[in-house]
Amino acid sequence: MRYADGSVDEERRIALIALIDLLDRVLSGGVVITGDITLSIADIDLVRISLRALISSISTLSLPGVDVPVPRGAREGS
């Protein structure tokens, strides 16, 4: 939707620029997202899911001194 003064288009443009800046900062430094989900019935835990995600650019992970995280339980060479 456009108004005569173009205010909606300008607001969308500013929001898009802010989103691109946020994405650039996240990829340049990286971010780790973790979470746990537990499904239970009557206070009895049935399923527990642990989630871990690393979001980063390849160039950030290939910098000297940056250790790539290894998931728990992962074996060397497999």
C-alpha atoms as a PDB file:
ATOM      1  CA  MET A   1       0.000   0.000   0.000  1.00  0.00           C
ATOM      2  CA  ARG A   2       1.337   3.415  -0.894  1.00  0.00           C
ATOM      3  CA  TYR A   3       0.441   6.769   0.489  1.00  0.00           C
ATOM      4  CA  ALA A   4       0.855  10.001  -1.406  1.00  0.00           C
ATOM      5  CA  ASP A   5       3.865  10.997   0.720  1.00  0.00           C
ATOM      6  CA  GLY A   6       5.589   7.591   0.260  1.00  0.00           C
ATOM      7  CA  SER A   7       5.862   6.951   4.029  1.00  0.00           C
ATOM      8  CA  VAL A   8       5.079   3.218   3.866  1.00  0.00           C
ATOM      9  CA  ASP A   9       7.704   2.579   1.206  1.00  0.00           C
ATOM     10  CA  GLU A  10      10.297   4.511   3.206  1.00  0.00           C
ATOM     11  CA  GLU A  11       9.467   2.557   6.396  1.00  0.00           C
ATOM     12  CA  ARG A  12       9.811  -0.744   4.534  1.00  0.00           C
ATOM     13  CA  ARG A  13      13.114   0.353   3.055  1.00  0.00           C
ATOM     14  CA  ILE A  14      14.436   1.296   6.505  1.00  0.00           C
ATOM     15  CA  ALA A  15      13.243  -2.051   7.960  1.00  0.00           C
ATOM     16  CA  LEU A  16      14.917  -3.955   5.124  1.00  0.00           C
ATOM     17  CA  ILE A  17      18.197  -2.097   5.652  1.00  0.00           C
ATOM     18  CA  ALA A  18      18.048  -2.861   9.394  1.00  0.00           C
ATOM     19  CA  LEU A  19      17.383  -6.546   8.675  1.00  0.00           C
ATOM     20  CA  ILE A  20      20.304  -6.745   6.242  1.00  0.00           C
ATOM     21  CA  ASP A  21      22.586  -5.045   8.790  1.00  0.00           C
ATOM     22  CA  LEU A  22      21.521  -7.514  11.495  1.00  0.00           C
ATOM     23  CA  LEU A  23      22.134 -10.480   9.188  1.00  0.00           C
ATOM     24  CA  ASP A  24      25.560  -9.109   8.261  1.00  0.00           C
ATOM     25  CA  ARG A  25      26.533  -8.756  11.929  1.00  0.00           C
ATOM     26  CA  VAL A  26      25.320 -12.278  12.766  1.00  0.00           C
ATOM     27  CA  LEU A  27      27.190 -13.872   9.872  1.00  0.00           C
ATOM     28  CA  SER A  28      30.381 -11.922  10.517  1.00  0.00           C
ATOM     29  CA  GLY A  29      30.566 -12.951  14.171  1.00  0.00           C
ATOM     30  CA  GLY A  30      28.393 -16.044  14.355  1.00  0.00           C
ATOM     31  CA  VAL A  31      25.696 -16.981  16.799  1.00  0.00           C
ATOM     32  CA  VAL A  32      24.816 -20.189  18.634  1.00  0.00           C
ATOM     33  CA  ILE A  33      21.170 -20.969  19.285  1.00  0.00           C
ATOM     34  CA  THR A  34      20.309 -23.594  21.898  1.00  0.00           C
ATOM     35  CA  GLY A  35      17.053 -24.904  23.229  1.00  0.00           C
ATOM     36  CA  ASP A  36      15.450 -27.848  24.978  1.00  0.00           C
ATOM     37  CA  ILE A  37      12.000 -29.294  24.357  1.00  0.00           C
ATOM     38  CA  THR A  38      10.439 -31.760  26.765  1.00  0.00           C
ATOM     39  CA  LEU A  39       7.170 -33.527  25.999  1.00  0.00           C
ATOM     40  CA  SER A  40       5.450 -34.852  29.086  1.00  0.00           C
ATOM     41  CA  ILE A  41       2.097 -36.189  30.182  1.00  0.00           C
ATOM     42  CA  ALA A  42       0.982 -36.050  33.812  1.00  0.00           C
ATOM     43  CA  ASP A  43       4.426 -34.829  34.924  1.00  0.00           C
ATOM     44  CA  ILE A  44       6.132 -37.836  33.283  1.00  0.00           C
ATOM     45  CA  ASP A  45       8.789 -36.857  30.751  1.00  0.00           C
ATOM     46  CA  LEU A  46       8.299 -38.864  27.568  1.00  0.00           C
ATOM     47  CA  VAL A  47      10.585 -37.163  25.048  1.00  0.00           C
ATOM     48  CA  ARG A  48      13.436 -34.713  25.489  1.00  0.00           C
ATOM     49  CA  ILE A  49      14.979 -32.945  22.495  1.00  0.00           C
ATOM     50  CA  SER A  50      18.102 -30.784  22.767  1.00  0.00           C
ATOM     51  CA  LEU A  51      18.612 -28.361  19.913  1.00  0.00           C
ATOM     52  CA  ARG A  52      21.851 -26.592  19.081  1.00  0.00           C
ATOM     53  CA  ALA A  53      22.524 -24.594  15.933  1.00  0.00           C
ATOM     54  CA  LEU A  54      25.544 -22.598  14.837  1.00  0.00           C
ATOM     55  CA  ILE A  55      24.859 -19.828  12.344  1.00  0.00           C
ATOM     56  CA  SER A  56      27.924 -18.256  10.796  1.00  0.00           C
ATOM     57  CA  SER A  57      29.563 -17.632   7.477  1.00  0.00           C
ATOM     58  CA  ILE A  58      32.204 -20.006   6.112  1.00  0.00           C
ATOM     59  CA  SER A  59      34.769 -17.200   6.047  1.00  0.00           C
ATOM     60  CA  THR A  60      34.268 -16.551   9.774  1.00  0.00           C
ATOM     61  CA  LEU A  61      34.734 -20.228  10.640  1.00  0.00           C
ATOM     62  CA  SER A  62      37.893 -20.478   8.539  1.00  0.00           C
ATOM     63  CA  LEU A  63      39.680 -17.661  10.416  1.00  0.00           C
ATOM     64  CA  PRO A  64      42.839 -18.678  12.287  1.00  0.00           C
ATOM     65  CA  GLY A  65      42.167 -19.303  15.961  1.00  0.00           C
ATOM     66  CA  VAL A  66      38.470 -20.109  15.483  1.00  0.00           C
ATOM     67  CA  ASP A  67      37.664 -23.622  16.667  1.00  0.00           C
ATOM     68  CA  VAL A  68      34.635 -25.195  15.027  1.00  0.00           C
ATOM     69  CA  PRO A  69      32.420 -26.676  17.746  1.00  0.00           C
ATOM     70  CA  VAL A  70      32.059 -30.463  17.705  1.00  0.00           C
ATOM     71  CA  PRO A  71      28.706 -31.899  18.812  1.00  0.00           C
ATOM     72  CA  ARG A  72      28.663 -33.848  22.040  1.00  0.00           C
ATOM     73  CA  GLY A  73      29.004 -37.574  21.422  1.00  0.00           C
ATOM     74  CA  ALA A  74      30.685 -37.122  18.033  1.00  0.00           C
ATOM     75  CA  ARG A  75      33.655 -39.396  17.472  1.00  0.00           C
ATOM     76  CA  GLU A  76      36.881 -38.486  15.706  1.00  0.00           C
ATOM     77  CA  GLY A  77      37.137 -39.839  12.163  1.00  0.00           C
ATOM     78  CA  SER A  78      33.502 -40.895  11.812  1.00  0.00           C
END
